Amino acid sequence: MKVLVSALEPSSNLHLKEVLKHTHNIELLGIFDKSLGTPLYDVSDMAIMGVVDAIKKLRWFFKVADEMVKLASTADKVLLMDSSGFNLPLAKKLKTAYPNKEIIYYILPQVWASRPKRAKKLEKYCDKLLGILPFEVDYYESKAQYIGHPLLDEINADREKRQSDTIAFMPGSRRAEISKLLPIFKEVRKQLSTKKAILIIPKTFSNEKIEDFYGDISEFEIERETHSSLAKSEFAFICSGTATLEAALIGTPFTLSYIAKKIDFFIGSKILHITQVGLANIILTRYNNSTLHNELLQEKVTVENLLKEYYETNRTVFEKKSEELKSYLSHGSSKNVAKILNN
């Protein structure tokens, strides 16, 4: 069976890799990581840096979408993953060209956070909508189903190996995030000089990129495996992102820190009325109106406040809430997605 795949994000390709472990006789076409086959375009070709870069490449993205529609003529099914800016218009093109071809959308856009009208478009152009958060399926009329969360398949870290003298620092993966958070994290590290400090850097970063993005990081031990590094850490300071949910599911106490551009923070807080940043907090609030961790945003990201978080975070309460989170998400998604593809 041939499946047209559109997986533009590195995280989507990690989830796709897990799904493929449970499939048989499937040939991938389209956009995905070249380690998974022979793509029309590798995921690295689709990377963009900021709004200006996106605008410059807009015409090229239209060309790629047209190529994907043409390639779909030989596919039995279509699997779209995340990246709604590209995949939602692509779904419309594909459904128009092939009304009877099954289109599956896995890792749904966060319509519960912004632009809820996308839900109607997804139901119009897709046949099956696979949600990874239990509450998000409520935003759709009939085609959405909760199939589990992929991180519950991918996290195999041993929580019993936690070391009381190890603290993890994760200042993000984008240059802007790192440049704002790392100097503050370095000061925190100095204040906790008796502890072992590990800096978790994405495995995809080359040595040149590390030097360019991070500068002097000699006061840290470098780690590249996120899950095992978090599992052995007694506490973590993490930039907003998937890493916060990974730490939550592993059970490593942490605090979220994020410094956005002032205009972005204004739009998010005042116009979109976003009150929470951490995904674990968002999920638990929807589940039982509680939270897992504190969120330090903008000017609240200070050395003093971060140290206070380290010393005053209630580890027992955190562990209890972590278990509640895992119980709510219940199970992984990979086998369920594979079953849908195989049928």
C-alpha atoms as a PDB file:
ATOM      1  CA  MET A   1       0.000   0.000   0.000  1.00  0.00           C
ATOM      2  CA  LYS A   2       1.219   3.476  -0.868  1.00  0.00           C
ATOM      3  CA  VAL A   3       0.614   6.335   1.573  1.00  0.00           C
ATOM      4  CA  LEU A   4       1.164   9.994   0.711  1.00  0.00           C
ATOM      5  CA  VAL A   5       2.665  11.592   3.827  1.00  0.00           C
ATOM      6  CA  SER A   6       3.098  15.260   4.674  1.00  0.00           C
ATOM      7  CA  ALA A   7       5.206  15.466   7.843  1.00  0.00           C
ATOM      8  CA  LEU A   8       7.098  18.757   7.914  1.00  0.00           C
ATOM      9  CA  GLU A   9       8.198  18.901  11.550  1.00  0.00           C
ATOM     10  CA  PRO A  10      11.029  16.884  13.156  1.00  0.00           C
ATOM     11  CA  SER A  11       8.630  15.896  15.956  1.00  0.00           C
ATOM     12  CA  SER A  12       6.087  14.638  13.423  1.00  0.00           C
ATOM     13  CA  ASN A  13       8.722  12.401  11.901  1.00  0.00           C
ATOM     14  CA  LEU A  14       9.570  10.949  15.311  1.00  0.00           C
ATOM     15  CA  HIS A  15       5.892  10.099  15.749  1.00  0.00           C
ATOM     16  CA  LEU A  16       5.736   8.711  12.199  1.00  0.00           C
ATOM     17  CA  LYS A  17       8.714   6.467  12.906  1.00  0.00           C
ATOM     18  CA  GLU A  18       6.858   4.949  15.858  1.00  0.00           C
ATOM     19  CA  VAL A  19       3.762   4.355  13.727  1.00  0.00           C
ATOM     20  CA  LEU A  20       5.787   2.553  11.063  1.00  0.00           C
ATOM     21  CA  LYS A  21       6.987   0.030  13.657  1.00  0.00           C
ATOM     22  CA  HIS A  22       3.455  -1.364  13.665  1.00  0.00           C
ATOM     23  CA  THR A  23       2.652  -1.261   9.941  1.00  0.00           C
ATOM     24  CA  HIS A  24       3.343  -3.726   7.162  1.00  0.00           C
ATOM     25  CA  ASN A  25       3.817  -3.409   3.400  1.00  0.00           C
ATOM     26  CA  ILE A  26       3.552   0.381   3.395  1.00  0.00           C
ATOM     27  CA  GLU A  27       5.480   2.572   0.973  1.00  0.00           C
ATOM     28  CA  LEU A  28       5.770   6.256   1.856  1.00  0.00           C
ATOM     29  CA  LEU A  29       5.459   9.031  -0.726  1.00  0.00           C
ATOM     30  CA  GLY A  30       5.709  12.765  -0.160  1.00  0.00           C
ATOM     31  CA  ILE A  31       7.426  14.855   2.519  1.00  0.00           C
ATOM     32  CA  PHE A  32       9.148  13.164   5.447  1.00  0.00           C
ATOM     33  CA  ASP A  33      12.570  12.465   6.914  1.00  0.00           C
ATOM     34  CA  LYS A  34      14.849  10.741   4.421  1.00  0.00           C
ATOM     35  CA  SER A  35      15.776   8.153   7.045  1.00  0.00           C
ATOM     36  CA  LEU A  36      12.249   6.742   6.570  1.00  0.00           C
ATOM     37  CA  GLY A  37      12.443   6.271   2.810  1.00  0.00           C
ATOM     38  CA  THR A  38      12.846   8.281  -0.375  1.00  0.00           C
ATOM     39  CA  PRO A  39      10.808  11.483  -0.022  1.00  0.00           C
ATOM     40  CA  LEU A  40       9.777  13.970  -2.659  1.00  0.00           C
ATOM     41  CA  TYR A  41      11.266  16.511  -0.254  1.00  0.00           C
ATOM     42  CA  ASP A  42      13.178  15.880   2.955  1.00  0.00           C
ATOM     43  CA  VAL A  43      11.841  17.541   6.096  1.00  0.00           C
ATOM     44  CA  SER A  44      14.945  19.776   6.150  1.00  0.00           C
ATOM     45  CA  ASP A  45      13.890  21.272   2.806  1.00  0.00           C
ATOM     46  CA  MET A  46      10.691  22.560   4.395  1.00  0.00           C
ATOM     47  CA  ALA A  47      12.285  24.398   7.326  1.00  0.00           C
ATOM     48  CA  ILE A  48      11.618  28.117   7.605  1.00  0.00           C
ATOM     49  CA  MET A  49      12.991  30.728   9.999  1.00  0.00           C
ATOM     50  CA  GLY A  50      10.436  33.390  10.852  1.00  0.00           C
ATOM     51  CA  VAL A  51       7.705  35.242   8.968  1.00  0.00           C
ATOM     52  CA  VAL A  52      10.036  36.889   6.428  1.00  0.00           C
ATOM     53  CA  ASP A  53      11.465  33.554   5.351  1.00  0.00           C
ATOM     54  CA  ALA A  54       7.955  32.103   5.083  1.00  0.00           C
ATOM     55  CA  ILE A  55       6.839  34.941   2.814  1.00  0.00           C
ATOM     56  CA  LYS A  56       9.896  34.546   0.591  1.00  0.00           C
ATOM     57  CA  LYS A  57       9.206  30.833   0.147  1.00  0.00           C
ATOM     58  CA  LEU A  58       5.428  31.156  -0.266  1.00  0.00           C
ATOM     59  CA  ARG A  59       5.435  30.639  -4.040  1.00  0.00           C
ATOM     60  CA  TRP A  60       7.701  27.612  -3.633  1.00  0.00           C
ATOM     61  CA  PHE A  61       5.334  26.105  -1.055  1.00  0.00           C
ATOM     62  CA  PHE A  62       2.461  26.429  -3.542  1.00  0.00           C
ATOM     63  CA  LYS A  63       4.597  24.573  -6.080  1.00  0.00           C
ATOM     64  CA  VAL A  64       5.350  21.806  -3.578  1.00  0.00           C
ATOM     65  CA  ALA A  65       1.641  21.448  -2.753  1.00  0.00           C
ATOM     66  CA  ASP A  66       0.827  21.034  -6.434  1.00  0.00           C
ATOM     67  CA  GLU A  67       3.544  18.390  -6.722  1.00  0.00           C
ATOM     68  CA  MET A  68       2.043  16.566  -3.740  1.00  0.00           C
ATOM     69  CA  VAL A  69      -1.397  16.568  -5.372  1.00  0.00           C
ATOM     70  CA  LYS A  70       0.065  15.076  -8.525  1.00  0.00           C
ATOM     71  CA  LEU A  71       1.980  12.453  -6.533  1.00  0.00           C
ATOM     72  CA  ALA A  72      -1.197  11.516  -4.666  1.00  0.00           C
ATOM     73  CA  SER A  73      -2.619   9.973  -7.851  1.00  0.00           C
ATOM     74  CA  THR A  74      -0.620   6.810  -7.103  1.00  0.00           C
ATOM     75  CA  ALA A  75      -1.333   6.767  -3.345  1.00  0.00           C
ATOM     76  CA  ASP A  76      -3.953   4.589  -1.672  1.00  0.00           C
ATOM     77  CA  LYS A  77      -4.280   6.856   1.363  1.00  0.00           C
ATOM     78  CA  VAL A  78      -3.096  10.249   2.601  1.00  0.00           C
ATOM     79  CA  LEU A  79      -1.584  10.945   6.026  1.00  0.00           C
ATOM     80  CA  LEU A  80      -1.197  14.606   7.042  1.00  0.00           C
ATOM     81  CA  MET A  81       0.647  15.401  10.271  1.00  0.00           C
ATOM     82  CA  ASP A  82       0.589  18.688  12.202  1.00  0.00           C
ATOM     83  CA  SER A  83       1.743  21.842  10.263  1.00  0.00           C
ATOM     84  CA  SER A  84      -1.776  23.096   9.484  1.00  0.00           C
ATOM     85  CA  GLY A  85      -0.432  26.154   7.657  1.00  0.00           C
ATOM     86  CA  PHE A  86       0.673  23.834   4.854  1.00  0.00           C
ATOM     87  CA  ASN A  87      -1.427  20.727   5.407  1.00  0.00           C
ATOM     88  CA  LEU A  88      -4.877  22.281   5.682  1.00  0.00           C
ATOM     89  CA  PRO A  89      -4.711  23.976   2.244  1.00  0.00           C
ATOM     90  CA  LEU A  90      -3.141  20.752   0.926  1.00  0.00           C
ATOM     91  CA  ALA A  91      -6.085  18.742   2.277  1.00  0.00           C
ATOM     92  CA  LYS A  92      -8.469  20.988   0.323  1.00  0.00           C
ATOM     93  CA  LYS A  93      -6.477  20.521  -2.890  1.00  0.00           C
ATOM     94  CA  LEU A  94      -6.317  16.760  -2.394  1.00  0.00           C
ATOM     95  CA  LYS A  95     -10.026  16.328  -1.612  1.00  0.00           C
ATOM     96  CA  THR A  96     -10.937  18.453  -4.635  1.00  0.00           C
ATOM     97  CA  ALA A  97      -8.707  16.379  -6.903  1.00  0.00           C
ATOM     98  CA  TYR A  98      -9.556  12.983  -5.367  1.00  0.00           C
ATOM     99  CA  PRO A  99     -12.985  13.094  -3.647  1.00  0.00           C
ATOM    100  CA  ASN A 100     -12.927   9.371  -2.834  1.00  0.00           C
ATOM    101  CA  LYS A 101      -9.352   9.106  -1.537  1.00  0.00           C
ATOM    102  CA  GLU A 102      -9.131   8.690   2.250  1.00  0.00           C
ATOM    103  CA  ILE A 103      -7.374  11.615   3.956  1.00  0.00           C
ATOM    104  CA  ILE A 104      -6.226  11.065   7.552  1.00  0.00           C
ATOM    105  CA  TYR A 105      -5.038  13.954   9.740  1.00  0.00           C
ATOM    106  CA  TYR A 106      -2.856  12.964  12.707  1.00  0.00           C
ATOM    107  CA  ILE A 107      -1.614  15.547  15.275  1.00  0.00           C
ATOM    108  CA  LEU A 108      -4.466  18.017  14.897  1.00  0.00           C
ATOM    109  CA  PRO A 109      -3.961  21.794  14.945  1.00  0.00           C
ATOM    110  CA  GLN A 110      -4.662  23.441  18.289  1.00  0.00           C
ATOM    111  CA  VAL A 111      -8.104  24.798  17.412  1.00  0.00           C
ATOM    112  CA  TRP A 112      -8.820  24.931  21.148  1.00  0.00           C
ATOM    113  CA  ALA A 113      -6.152  27.648  21.491  1.00  0.00           C
ATOM    114  CA  SER A 114      -6.822  29.789  18.407  1.00  0.00           C
ATOM    115  CA  ARG A 115      -8.646  29.902  15.055  1.00  0.00           C
ATOM    116  CA  PRO A 116     -11.421  27.443  15.959  1.00  0.00           C
ATOM    117  CA  LYS A 117     -12.908  27.743  12.440  1.00  0.00           C
ATOM    118  CA  ARG A 118     -10.172  25.395  11.238  1.00  0.00           C
ATOM    119  CA  ALA A 119     -12.154  22.555  12.796  1.00  0.00           C
ATOM    120  CA  LYS A 120     -14.929  22.904  10.205  1.00  0.00           C
ATOM    121  CA  LYS A 121     -12.400  22.942   7.366  1.00  0.00           C
ATOM    122  CA  LEU A 122     -10.711  19.831   8.694  1.00  0.00           C
ATOM    123  CA  GLU A 123     -14.019  17.991   8.836  1.00  0.00           C
ATOM    124  CA  LYS A 124     -14.861  19.109   5.318  1.00  0.00           C
ATOM    125  CA  TYR A 125     -11.609  18.044   3.674  1.00  0.00           C
ATOM    126  CA  CYS A 126     -10.503  15.067   5.805  1.00  0.00           C
ATOM    127  CA  ASP A 127     -12.074  11.679   6.428  1.00  0.00           C
ATOM    128  CA  LYS A 128     -10.497  10.782   9.775  1.00  0.00           C
ATOM    129  CA  LEU A 129      -9.191  13.186  12.408  1.00  0.00           C
ATOM    130  CA  LEU A 130      -6.863  11.617  14.964  1.00  0.00           C
ATOM    131  CA  GLY A 131      -6.530  13.642  18.150  1.00  0.00           C
ATOM    132  CA  ILE A 132      -3.721  13.221  20.692  1.00  0.00           C
ATOM    133  CA  LEU A 133      -5.485  15.153  23.477  1.00  0.00           C
ATOM    134  CA  PRO A 134      -8.743  13.769  24.892  1.00  0.00           C
ATOM    135  CA  PHE A 135     -10.509  17.124  25.078  1.00  0.00           C
ATOM    136  CA  GLU A 136      -9.701  18.339  21.572  1.00  0.00           C
ATOM    137  CA  VAL A 137     -12.108  15.930  19.879  1.00  0.00           C
ATOM    138  CA  ASP A 138     -14.987  17.890  21.448  1.00  0.00           C
ATOM    139  CA  TYR A 139     -14.280  20.712  18.996  1.00  0.00           C
ATOM    140  CA  TYR A 140     -15.362  18.534  16.067  1.00  0.00           C
ATOM    141  CA  GLU A 141     -18.796  17.238  15.113  1.00  0.00           C
ATOM    142  CA  SER A 142     -18.235  13.627  14.075  1.00  0.00           C
ATOM    143  CA  LYS A 143     -14.933  12.701  12.414  1.00  0.00           C
ATOM    144  CA  ALA A 144     -12.527  13.196  15.318  1.00  0.00           C
ATOM    145  CA  GLN A 145     -11.408  10.457  17.689  1.00  0.00           C
ATOM    146  CA  TYR A 146      -8.890  10.313  20.511  1.00  0.00           C
ATOM    147  CA  ILE A 147      -6.234   7.740  19.659  1.00  0.00           C
ATOM    148  CA  GLY A 148      -3.754   8.302  22.508  1.00  0.00           C
ATOM    149  CA  HIS A 149      -0.624  10.418  22.895  1.00  0.00           C
ATOM    150  CA  PRO A 150       2.570   9.557  20.967  1.00  0.00           C
ATOM    151  CA  LEU A 151       4.901  10.498  23.831  1.00  0.00           C
ATOM    152  CA  LEU A 152       3.530   7.614  25.884  1.00  0.00           C
ATOM    153  CA  ASP A 153       4.974   5.306  23.218  1.00  0.00           C
ATOM    154  CA  GLU A 154       8.264   7.133  22.905  1.00  0.00           C
ATOM    155  CA  ILE A 155       9.210   7.710  26.554  1.00  0.00           C
ATOM    156  CA  ASN A 156      10.979   4.678  27.973  1.00  0.00           C
ATOM    157  CA  ALA A 157      13.103   6.448  30.590  1.00  0.00           C
ATOM    158  CA  ASP A 158      13.631   4.786  33.957  1.00  0.00           C
ATOM    159  CA  ARG A 159      12.427   7.124  36.709  1.00  0.00           C
ATOM    160  CA  GLU A 160      14.172   5.075  39.382  1.00  0.00           C
ATOM    161  CA  LYS A 161      17.604   6.331  38.296  1.00  0.00           C
ATOM    162  CA  ARG A 162      17.006   9.941  39.311  1.00  0.00           C
ATOM    163  CA  GLN A 163      20.125  11.571  40.791  1.00  0.00           C
ATOM    164  CA  SER A 164      19.682  14.122  43.568  1.00  0.00           C
ATOM    165  CA  ASP A 165      22.693  16.163  42.490  1.00  0.00           C
ATOM    166  CA  THR A 166      21.740  16.615  38.825  1.00  0.00           C
ATOM    167  CA  ILE A 167      19.837  19.571  37.369  1.00  0.00           C
ATOM    168  CA  ALA A 168      18.851  19.829  33.710  1.00  0.00           C
ATOM    169  CA  PHE A 169      18.709  23.027  31.673  1.00  0.00           C
ATOM    170  CA  MET A 170      16.776  23.269  28.395  1.00  0.00           C
ATOM    171  CA  PRO A 171      16.814  26.832  27.009  1.00  0.00           C
ATOM    172  CA  GLY A 172      14.977  25.908  23.788  1.00  0.00           C
ATOM    173  CA  SER A 173      15.923  25.028  20.243  1.00  0.00           C
ATOM    174  CA  ARG A 174      15.547  28.376  18.482  1.00  0.00           C
ATOM    175  CA  ARG A 175      18.243  31.034  18.481  1.00  0.00           C
ATOM    176  CA  ALA A 176      15.929  33.693  19.937  1.00  0.00           C
ATOM    177  CA  GLU A 177      14.874  31.434  22.821  1.00  0.00           C
ATOM    178  CA  ILE A 178      18.425  30.423  23.670  1.00  0.00           C
ATOM    179  CA  SER A 179      19.809  33.961  23.507  1.00  0.00           C
ATOM    180  CA  LYS A 180      17.237  35.167  26.046  1.00  0.00           C
ATOM    181  CA  LEU A 181      17.178  32.247  28.467  1.00  0.00           C
ATOM    182  CA  LEU A 182      20.718  30.844  28.497  1.00  0.00           C
ATOM    183  CA  PRO A 183      22.377  33.878  30.169  1.00  0.00           C
ATOM    184  CA  ILE A 184      19.813  33.653  32.987  1.00  0.00           C
ATOM    185  CA  PHE A 185      20.246  29.878  33.224  1.00  0.00           C
ATOM    186  CA  LYS A 186      24.014  30.353  33.488  1.00  0.00           C
ATOM    187  CA  GLU A 187      23.540  32.586  36.514  1.00  0.00           C
ATOM    188  CA  VAL A 188      21.224  30.024  38.082  1.00  0.00           C
ATOM    189  CA  ARG A 189      23.844  27.378  37.451  1.00  0.00           C
ATOM    190  CA  LYS A 190      26.436  29.495  39.317  1.00  0.00           C
ATOM    191  CA  GLN A 191      24.101  29.786  42.293  1.00  0.00           C
ATOM    192  CA  LEU A 192      23.697  26.002  42.312  1.00  0.00           C
ATOM    193  CA  SER A 193      27.402  25.349  41.855  1.00  0.00           C
ATOM    194  CA  THR A 194      27.416  22.276  44.110  1.00  0.00           C
ATOM    195  CA  LYS A 195      25.051  20.522  41.718  1.00  0.00           C
ATOM    196  CA  LYS A 196      25.848  18.706  38.508  1.00  0.00           C
ATOM    197  CA  ALA A 197      24.439  20.798  35.653  1.00  0.00           C
ATOM    198  CA  ILE A 198      23.521  19.235  32.315  1.00  0.00           C
ATOM    199  CA  LEU A 199      22.567  21.189  29.220  1.00  0.00           C
ATOM    200  CA  ILE A 200      20.269  19.169  26.965  1.00  0.00           C
ATOM    201  CA  ILE A 201      20.854  20.012  23.309  1.00  0.00           C
ATOM    202  CA  PRO A 202      18.798  18.633  20.376  1.00  0.00           C
ATOM    203  CA  LYS A 203      20.448  15.633  18.713  1.00  0.00           C
ATOM    204  CA  THR A 204      20.013  17.272  15.319  1.00  0.00           C
ATOM    205  CA  PHE A 205      22.319  20.211  16.200  1.00  0.00           C
ATOM    206  CA  SER A 206      25.763  20.090  14.589  1.00  0.00           C
ATOM    207  CA  ASN A 207      28.863  21.208  16.512  1.00  0.00           C
ATOM    208  CA  GLU A 208      28.917  24.385  14.422  1.00  0.00           C
ATOM    209  CA  LYS A 209      25.305  25.156  15.277  1.00  0.00           C
ATOM    210  CA  ILE A 210      25.913  24.503  18.966  1.00  0.00           C
ATOM    211  CA  GLU A 211      28.825  26.933  19.008  1.00  0.00           C
ATOM    212  CA  ASP A 212      26.813  29.498  17.064  1.00  0.00           C
ATOM    213  CA  PHE A 213      23.639  29.248  19.159  1.00  0.00           C
ATOM    214  CA  TYR A 214      25.053  28.616  22.648  1.00  0.00           C
ATOM    215  CA  GLY A 215      28.521  30.180  22.824  1.00  0.00           C
ATOM    216  CA  ASP A 216      30.543  29.267  25.916  1.00  0.00           C
ATOM    217  CA  ILE A 217      28.796  26.417  27.728  1.00  0.00           C
ATOM    218  CA  SER A 218      31.854  24.978  29.459  1.00  0.00           C
ATOM    219  CA  GLU A 219      30.147  25.122  32.867  1.00  0.00           C
ATOM    220  CA  PHE A 220      27.641  22.472  31.731  1.00  0.00           C
ATOM    221  CA  GLU A 221      27.894  18.817  30.855  1.00  0.00           C
ATOM    222  CA  ILE A 222      26.338  18.294  27.436  1.00  0.00           C
ATOM    223  CA  GLU A 223      23.604  15.707  26.923  1.00  0.00           C
ATOM    224  CA  ARG A 224      21.807  14.866  23.667  1.00  0.00           C
ATOM    225  CA  GLU A 225      19.255  12.263  24.831  1.00  0.00           C
ATOM    226  CA  THR A 226      16.317  14.217  26.241  1.00  0.00           C
ATOM    227  CA  HIS A 227      14.334  11.462  27.928  1.00  0.00           C
ATOM    228  CA  SER A 228      17.168   9.673  29.741  1.00  0.00           C
ATOM    229  CA  SER A 229      18.685  13.020  30.766  1.00  0.00           C
ATOM    230  CA  LEU A 230      15.432  14.253  32.259  1.00  0.00           C
ATOM    231  CA  ALA A 231      14.861  10.909  33.974  1.00  0.00           C
ATOM    232  CA  LYS A 232      18.100  11.151  35.925  1.00  0.00           C
ATOM    233  CA  SER A 233      17.620  14.822  36.858  1.00  0.00           C
ATOM    234  CA  GLU A 234      16.072  15.856  40.161  1.00  0.00           C
ATOM    235  CA  PHE A 235      14.853  19.154  38.669  1.00  0.00           C
ATOM    236  CA  ALA A 236      14.788  20.931  35.309  1.00  0.00           C
ATOM    237  CA  PHE A 237      14.574  24.482  34.010  1.00  0.00           C
ATOM    238  CA  ILE A 238      12.815  24.284  30.653  1.00  0.00           C
ATOM    239  CA  CYS A 239      11.816  26.661  27.908  1.00  0.00           C
ATOM    240  CA  SER A 240       8.204  26.298  26.794  1.00  0.00           C
ATOM    241  CA  GLY A 241       7.629  23.496  24.289  1.00  0.00           C
ATOM    242  CA  THR A 242       7.286  19.745  23.913  1.00  0.00           C
ATOM    243  CA  ALA A 243      10.095  19.230  26.451  1.00  0.00           C
ATOM    244  CA  THR A 244       7.786  20.433  29.234  1.00  0.00           C
ATOM    245  CA  LEU A 245       5.281  17.663  28.475  1.00  0.00           C
ATOM    246  CA  GLU A 246       8.112  15.132  28.192  1.00  0.00           C
ATOM    247  CA  ALA A 247       9.389  16.122  31.647  1.00  0.00           C
ATOM    248  CA  ALA A 248       5.857  15.983  33.019  1.00  0.00           C
ATOM    249  CA  LEU A 249       5.286  12.438  31.743  1.00  0.00           C
ATOM    250  CA  ILE A 250       8.717  11.288  32.921  1.00  0.00           C
ATOM    251  CA  GLY A 251       7.969  12.791  36.330  1.00  0.00           C
ATOM    252  CA  THR A 252      10.865  15.233  36.595  1.00  0.00           C
ATOM    253  CA  PRO A 253       9.870  18.380  38.526  1.00  0.00           C
ATOM    254  CA  PHE A 254      10.498  21.533  36.510  1.00  0.00           C
ATOM    255  CA  THR A 255       9.525  25.109  35.969  1.00  0.00           C
ATOM    256  CA  LEU A 256       8.638  26.604  32.615  1.00  0.00           C
ATOM    257  CA  SER A 257      10.408  29.786  31.536  1.00  0.00           C
ATOM    258  CA  TYR A 258       9.650  31.774  28.418  1.00  0.00           C
ATOM    259  CA  ILE A 259      10.470  35.243  27.139  1.00  0.00           C
ATOM    260  CA  ALA A 260       8.547  36.090  23.964  1.00  0.00           C
ATOM    261  CA  LYS A 261       8.780  39.173  21.783  1.00  0.00           C
ATOM    262  CA  LYS A 262       6.659  41.891  23.387  1.00  0.00           C
ATOM    263  CA  ILE A 263       4.300  42.093  20.416  1.00  0.00           C
ATOM    264  CA  ASP A 264       3.832  38.303  20.384  1.00  0.00           C
ATOM    265  CA  PHE A 265       3.138  38.266  24.121  1.00  0.00           C
ATOM    266  CA  PHE A 266       0.642  41.123  23.740  1.00  0.00           C
ATOM    267  CA  ILE A 267      -1.214  39.323  20.946  1.00  0.00           C
ATOM    268  CA  GLY A 268      -1.233  36.037  22.844  1.00  0.00           C
ATOM    269  CA  SER A 269      -2.331  37.408  26.211  1.00  0.00           C
ATOM    270  CA  LYS A 270      -4.523  40.386  25.260  1.00  0.00           C
ATOM    271  CA  ILE A 271      -6.010  39.450  21.886  1.00  0.00           C
ATOM    272  CA  LEU A 272      -6.048  35.635  21.896  1.00  0.00           C
ATOM    273  CA  HIS A 273      -6.543  35.581  25.699  1.00  0.00           C
ATOM    274  CA  ILE A 274      -4.050  32.763  26.206  1.00  0.00           C
ATOM    275  CA  THR A 275      -3.643  32.245  29.945  1.00  0.00           C
ATOM    276  CA  GLN A 276      -1.459  29.122  29.965  1.00  0.00           C
ATOM    277  CA  VAL A 277       1.633  28.173  27.979  1.00  0.00           C
ATOM    278  CA  GLY A 278       2.626  24.766  29.301  1.00  0.00           C
ATOM    279  CA  LEU A 279       0.833  21.891  27.578  1.00  0.00           C
ATOM    280  CA  ALA A 280       0.780  19.790  30.747  1.00  0.00           C
ATOM    281  CA  ASN A 281      -1.011  22.623  32.559  1.00  0.00           C
ATOM    282  CA  ILE A 282      -3.464  23.078  29.697  1.00  0.00           C
ATOM    283  CA  ILE A 283      -4.286  19.364  29.690  1.00  0.00           C
ATOM    284  CA  LEU A 284      -4.715  19.084  33.473  1.00  0.00           C
ATOM    285  CA  THR A 285      -6.837  22.241  33.637  1.00  0.00           C
ATOM    286  CA  ARG A 286      -9.170  20.742  31.057  1.00  0.00           C
ATOM    287  CA  TYR A 287      -9.186  17.433  32.930  1.00  0.00           C
ATOM    288  CA  ASN A 288      -9.665  18.406  36.563  1.00  0.00           C
ATOM    289  CA  ASN A 289      -9.055  22.161  36.788  1.00  0.00           C
ATOM    290  CA  SER A 290      -5.587  21.800  38.319  1.00  0.00           C
ATOM    291  CA  THR A 291      -2.027  22.566  37.218  1.00  0.00           C
ATOM    292  CA  LEU A 292       1.272  20.717  37.350  1.00  0.00           C
ATOM    293  CA  HIS A 293       3.940  23.432  37.409  1.00  0.00           C
ATOM    294  CA  ASN A 294       4.473  27.171  37.605  1.00  0.00           C
ATOM    295  CA  GLU A 295       5.005  29.274  34.478  1.00  0.00           C
ATOM    296  CA  LEU A 296       7.475  32.152  34.599  1.00  0.00           C
ATOM    297  CA  LEU A 297       6.893  34.463  31.650  1.00  0.00           C
ATOM    298  CA  GLN A 298       8.534  37.652  30.391  1.00  0.00           C
ATOM    299  CA  GLU A 299       9.964  39.826  33.198  1.00  0.00           C
ATOM    300  CA  LYS A 300       9.223  37.121  35.778  1.00  0.00           C
ATOM    301  CA  VAL A 301      12.069  35.036  34.351  1.00  0.00           C
ATOM    302  CA  THR A 302      14.757  36.075  36.822  1.00  0.00           C
ATOM    303  CA  VAL A 303      17.536  34.252  38.639  1.00  0.00           C
ATOM    304  CA  GLU A 304      15.810  34.894  41.959  1.00  0.00           C
ATOM    305  CA  ASN A 305      12.474  33.493  40.794  1.00  0.00           C
ATOM    306  CA  LEU A 306      14.061  30.425  39.203  1.00  0.00           C
ATOM    307  CA  LEU A 307      15.982  29.622  42.362  1.00  0.00           C
ATOM    308  CA  LYS A 308      12.776  30.030  44.355  1.00  0.00           C
ATOM    309  CA  GLU A 309      11.118  27.503  42.053  1.00  0.00           C
ATOM    310  CA  TYR A 310      13.924  25.028  42.619  1.00  0.00           C
ATOM    311  CA  TYR A 311      13.814  25.282  46.392  1.00  0.00           C
ATOM    312  CA  GLU A 312      10.053  25.609  46.902  1.00  0.00           C
ATOM    313  CA  THR A 313       8.500  23.269  44.302  1.00  0.00           C
ATOM    314  CA  ASN A 314       6.623  20.547  46.147  1.00  0.00           C
ATOM    315  CA  ARG A 315       8.016  17.336  44.649  1.00  0.00           C
ATOM    316  CA  THR A 316       5.313  15.142  46.201  1.00  0.00           C
ATOM    317  CA  VAL A 317       2.472  17.184  44.714  1.00  0.00           C
ATOM    318  CA  PHE A 318       4.262  17.269  41.360  1.00  0.00           C
ATOM    319  CA  GLU A 319       4.556  13.475  41.296  1.00  0.00           C
ATOM    320  CA  LYS A 320       0.848  13.094  42.103  1.00  0.00           C
ATOM    321  CA  LYS A 321      -0.163  15.490  39.326  1.00  0.00           C
ATOM    322  CA  SER A 322       2.220  13.802  36.910  1.00  0.00           C
ATOM    323  CA  GLU A 323       0.457  10.496  37.519  1.00  0.00           C
ATOM    324  CA  GLU A 324      -2.933  12.171  37.000  1.00  0.00           C
ATOM    325  CA  LEU A 325      -1.706  13.512  33.661  1.00  0.00           C
ATOM    326  CA  LYS A 326      -0.528  10.098  32.490  1.00  0.00           C
ATOM    327  CA  SER A 327      -3.739   8.482  33.637  1.00  0.00           C
ATOM    328  CA  TYR A 328      -5.810  11.018  31.675  1.00  0.00           C
ATOM    329  CA  LEU A 329      -3.825  10.534  28.459  1.00  0.00           C
ATOM    330  CA  SER A 330      -4.123   6.805  29.165  1.00  0.00           C
ATOM    331  CA  HIS A 331      -2.108   5.212  26.337  1.00  0.00           C
ATOM    332  CA  GLY A 332       0.078   5.742  23.316  1.00  0.00           C
ATOM    333  CA  SER A 333      -1.199   6.412  19.815  1.00  0.00           C
ATOM    334  CA  SER A 334       1.190   4.663  17.431  1.00  0.00           C
ATOM    335  CA  LYS A 335      -0.512   1.264  17.276  1.00  0.00           C
ATOM    336  CA  ASN A 336      -3.905   2.871  16.793  1.00  0.00           C
ATOM    337  CA  VAL A 337      -2.683   5.048  13.917  1.00  0.00           C
ATOM    338  CA  ALA A 338      -0.992   2.027  12.320  1.00  0.00           C
ATOM    339  CA  LYS A 339      -4.231   0.040  12.579  1.00  0.00           C
ATOM    340  CA  ILE A 340      -6.140   2.812  10.805  1.00  0.00           C
ATOM    341  CA  LEU A 341      -3.519   2.933   8.048  1.00  0.00           C
ATOM    342  CA  ASN A 342      -3.451  -0.822   7.626  1.00  0.00           C
ATOM    343  CA  ASN A 343      -7.236  -1.200   7.360  1.00  0.00           C
END
